[in-house]
Every structure is written in C-alpha cells, then in structure tokens.
Amino acid sequence: MCDDLKAKVEKYLQKAEPLFEKLDIRLPEDINLEQISEEFYDMATCYYKDAIHFYENGNYVNALAALEYAEGWMDAGKRLGIF
C-alpha cells in the first residue's frame, strides 16, 4: 500500500507542478461575493458529506482526503472573509 500511495502522490505532484508554475492572480471586475460564498459553502458541505459516506463504507483513505478538501474550501472561504 505504501508504494502504491507513494506512486500516486508522485504522479499527482508531477501533474500539479505545471499548474502552479502558470498560476497568476486575476481580480475580475464583476465579483459577486454572495454567489462565491454559496459555491464555497456547497463545495465544503459536499466534501464533508462525501467524507461521511466514505467513512461509513470503510474507505478511510478517501474519507480523509474528502475531509481535507472540505477543510481547504472552508479555510479559503475564511481567508476571503466569506465565512
């Protein structure tokens, strides 16, 4: 399992590297914070519900990953000041 997990992480890191190299900041002129806050809330909630589903079905790795995604959406929302 450890070797499989390591290989998956390495593959993911390789895919992510070019995305982060090209990342830039853009601020749209027509920002709708209400819509953004609803989308962030929905994403965090959906990932939390997924985590519960995975946990109840004994899939602890995916439960943990889903919880981490949920927390990431909440942290980003807090940082933006919408939570």
C-alpha atoms as a PDB file:
ATOM      1  CA  MET A   1       0.000   0.000   0.000  1.00  0.00           C
ATOM      2  CA  CYS A   2       2.779   2.443   0.880  1.00  0.00           C
ATOM      3  CA  ASP A   3       4.494   2.045  -2.500  1.00  0.00           C
ATOM      4  CA  ASP A   4       1.180   2.462  -4.316  1.00  0.00           C
ATOM      5  CA  LEU A   5       0.390   5.582  -2.332  1.00  0.00           C
ATOM      6  CA  LYS A   6       3.870   6.991  -2.951  1.00  0.00           C
ATOM      7  CA  ALA A   7       3.495   6.395  -6.695  1.00  0.00           C
ATOM      8  CA  LYS A   8       0.094   8.120  -6.733  1.00  0.00           C
ATOM      9  CA  VAL A   9       1.468  11.133  -4.862  1.00  0.00           C
ATOM     10  CA  GLU A  10       4.436  11.380  -7.220  1.00  0.00           C
ATOM     11  CA  LYS A  11       2.132  11.263 -10.250  1.00  0.00           C
ATOM     12  CA  TYR A  12      -0.138  13.900  -8.698  1.00  0.00           C
ATOM     13  CA  LEU A  13       2.827  16.164  -7.907  1.00  0.00           C
ATOM     14  CA  GLN A  14       4.066  15.883 -11.493  1.00  0.00           C
ATOM     15  CA  LYS A  15       0.630  16.860 -12.807  1.00  0.00           C
ATOM     16  CA  ALA A  16       0.323  19.744 -10.340  1.00  0.00           C
ATOM     17  CA  GLU A  17       3.741  21.293 -10.920  1.00  0.00           C
ATOM     18  CA  PRO A  18       2.948  22.998 -14.255  1.00  0.00           C
ATOM     19  CA  LEU A  19      -0.348  24.281 -12.868  1.00  0.00           C
ATOM     20  CA  PHE A  20       1.422  26.079 -10.047  1.00  0.00           C
ATOM     21  CA  GLU A  21       4.123  27.398 -12.376  1.00  0.00           C
ATOM     22  CA  LYS A  22       1.441  29.084 -14.523  1.00  0.00           C
ATOM     23  CA  LEU A  23      -0.684  30.334 -11.634  1.00  0.00           C
ATOM     24  CA  ASP A  24      -1.326  34.060 -11.560  1.00  0.00           C
ATOM     25  CA  ILE A  25      -3.615  36.447  -9.717  1.00  0.00           C
ATOM     26  CA  ARG A  26      -6.604  37.930 -11.536  1.00  0.00           C
ATOM     27  CA  LEU A  27      -9.331  40.012  -9.969  1.00  0.00           C
ATOM     28  CA  PRO A  28     -12.495  40.123 -12.068  1.00  0.00           C
ATOM     29  CA  GLU A  29     -14.276  43.446 -12.170  1.00  0.00           C
ATOM     30  CA  ASP A  30     -17.705  41.948 -11.534  1.00  0.00           C
ATOM     31  CA  ILE A  31     -17.110  39.882  -8.400  1.00  0.00           C
ATOM     32  CA  ASN A  32     -20.312  38.500  -6.870  1.00  0.00           C
ATOM     33  CA  LEU A  33     -19.300  37.558  -3.325  1.00  0.00           C
ATOM     34  CA  GLU A  34     -22.741  36.197  -2.496  1.00  0.00           C
ATOM     35  CA  GLN A  35     -22.524  33.682  -5.334  1.00  0.00           C
ATOM     36  CA  ILE A  36     -18.921  32.833  -4.470  1.00  0.00           C
ATOM     37  CA  SER A  37     -19.764  32.292  -0.803  1.00  0.00           C
ATOM     38  CA  GLU A  38     -22.635  29.966  -1.754  1.00  0.00           C
ATOM     39  CA  GLU A  39     -20.352  27.969  -4.052  1.00  0.00           C
ATOM     40  CA  PHE A  40     -17.655  27.678  -1.382  1.00  0.00           C
ATOM     41  CA  TYR A  41     -20.251  26.580   1.172  1.00  0.00           C
ATOM     42  CA  ASP A  42     -21.679  23.989  -1.234  1.00  0.00           C
ATOM     43  CA  MET A  43     -18.244  22.580  -2.043  1.00  0.00           C
ATOM     44  CA  ALA A  44     -17.211  22.330   1.615  1.00  0.00           C
ATOM     45  CA  THR A  45     -20.526  20.701   2.553  1.00  0.00           C
ATOM     46  CA  CYS A  46     -20.437  18.223  -0.334  1.00  0.00           C
ATOM     47  CA  TYR A  47     -16.914  17.103   0.505  1.00  0.00           C
ATOM     48  CA  TYR A  48     -17.893  16.724   4.174  1.00  0.00           C
ATOM     49  CA  LYS A  49     -20.874  14.558   3.194  1.00  0.00           C
ATOM     50  CA  ASP A  50     -18.604  12.526   0.907  1.00  0.00           C
ATOM     51  CA  ALA A  51     -16.227  12.004   3.837  1.00  0.00           C
ATOM     52  CA  ILE A  52     -19.066  10.647   5.968  1.00  0.00           C
ATOM     53  CA  HIS A  53     -20.138   8.325   3.146  1.00  0.00           C
ATOM     54  CA  PHE A  54     -16.610   7.021   2.631  1.00  0.00           C
ATOM     55  CA  TYR A  55     -16.098   6.576   6.379  1.00  0.00           C
ATOM     56  CA  GLU A  56     -19.345   4.648   6.813  1.00  0.00           C
ATOM     57  CA  ASN A  57     -18.270   2.331   3.991  1.00  0.00           C
ATOM     58  CA  GLY A  58     -14.831   1.678   5.477  1.00  0.00           C
ATOM     59  CA  ASN A  59     -12.973   3.711   2.860  1.00  0.00           C
ATOM     60  CA  TYR A  60     -10.844   5.669   5.301  1.00  0.00           C
ATOM     61  CA  VAL A  61      -8.268   6.972   2.820  1.00  0.00           C
ATOM     62  CA  ASN A  62     -10.942   8.642   0.698  1.00  0.00           C
ATOM     63  CA  ALA A  63     -12.748   9.824   3.842  1.00  0.00           C
ATOM     64  CA  LEU A  64      -9.587  11.579   4.962  1.00  0.00           C
ATOM     65  CA  ALA A  65      -8.989  13.069   1.517  1.00  0.00           C
ATOM     66  CA  ALA A  66     -12.570  14.367   1.342  1.00  0.00           C
ATOM     67  CA  LEU A  67     -12.233  15.912   4.804  1.00  0.00           C
ATOM     68  CA  GLU A  68      -9.044  17.636   3.695  1.00  0.00           C
ATOM     69  CA  TYR A  69     -10.809  19.053   0.647  1.00  0.00           C
ATOM     70  CA  ALA A  70     -13.704  20.245   2.815  1.00  0.00           C
ATOM     71  CA  GLU A  71     -11.283  21.917   5.191  1.00  0.00           C
ATOM     72  CA  GLY A  72      -9.458  23.531   2.274  1.00  0.00           C
ATOM     73  CA  TRP A  73     -12.677  25.088   0.977  1.00  0.00           C
ATOM     74  CA  MET A  74     -13.536  26.329   4.475  1.00  0.00           C
ATOM     75  CA  ASP A  75     -10.044  27.753   5.014  1.00  0.00           C
ATOM     76  CA  ALA A  76     -10.156  29.538   1.658  1.00  0.00           C
ATOM     77  CA  GLY A  77     -13.592  30.923   2.484  1.00  0.00           C
ATOM     78  CA  LYS A  78     -12.389  32.156   5.861  1.00  0.00           C
ATOM     79  CA  ARG A  79      -9.384  33.798   4.243  1.00  0.00           C
ATOM     80  CA  LEU A  80     -11.646  35.567   1.728  1.00  0.00           C
ATOM     81  CA  GLY A  81     -13.842  36.724   4.599  1.00  0.00           C
ATOM     82  CA  ILE A  82     -16.970  34.948   3.370  1.00  0.00           C
ATOM     83  CA  PHE A  83     -17.150  32.512   6.312  1.00  0.00           C
END
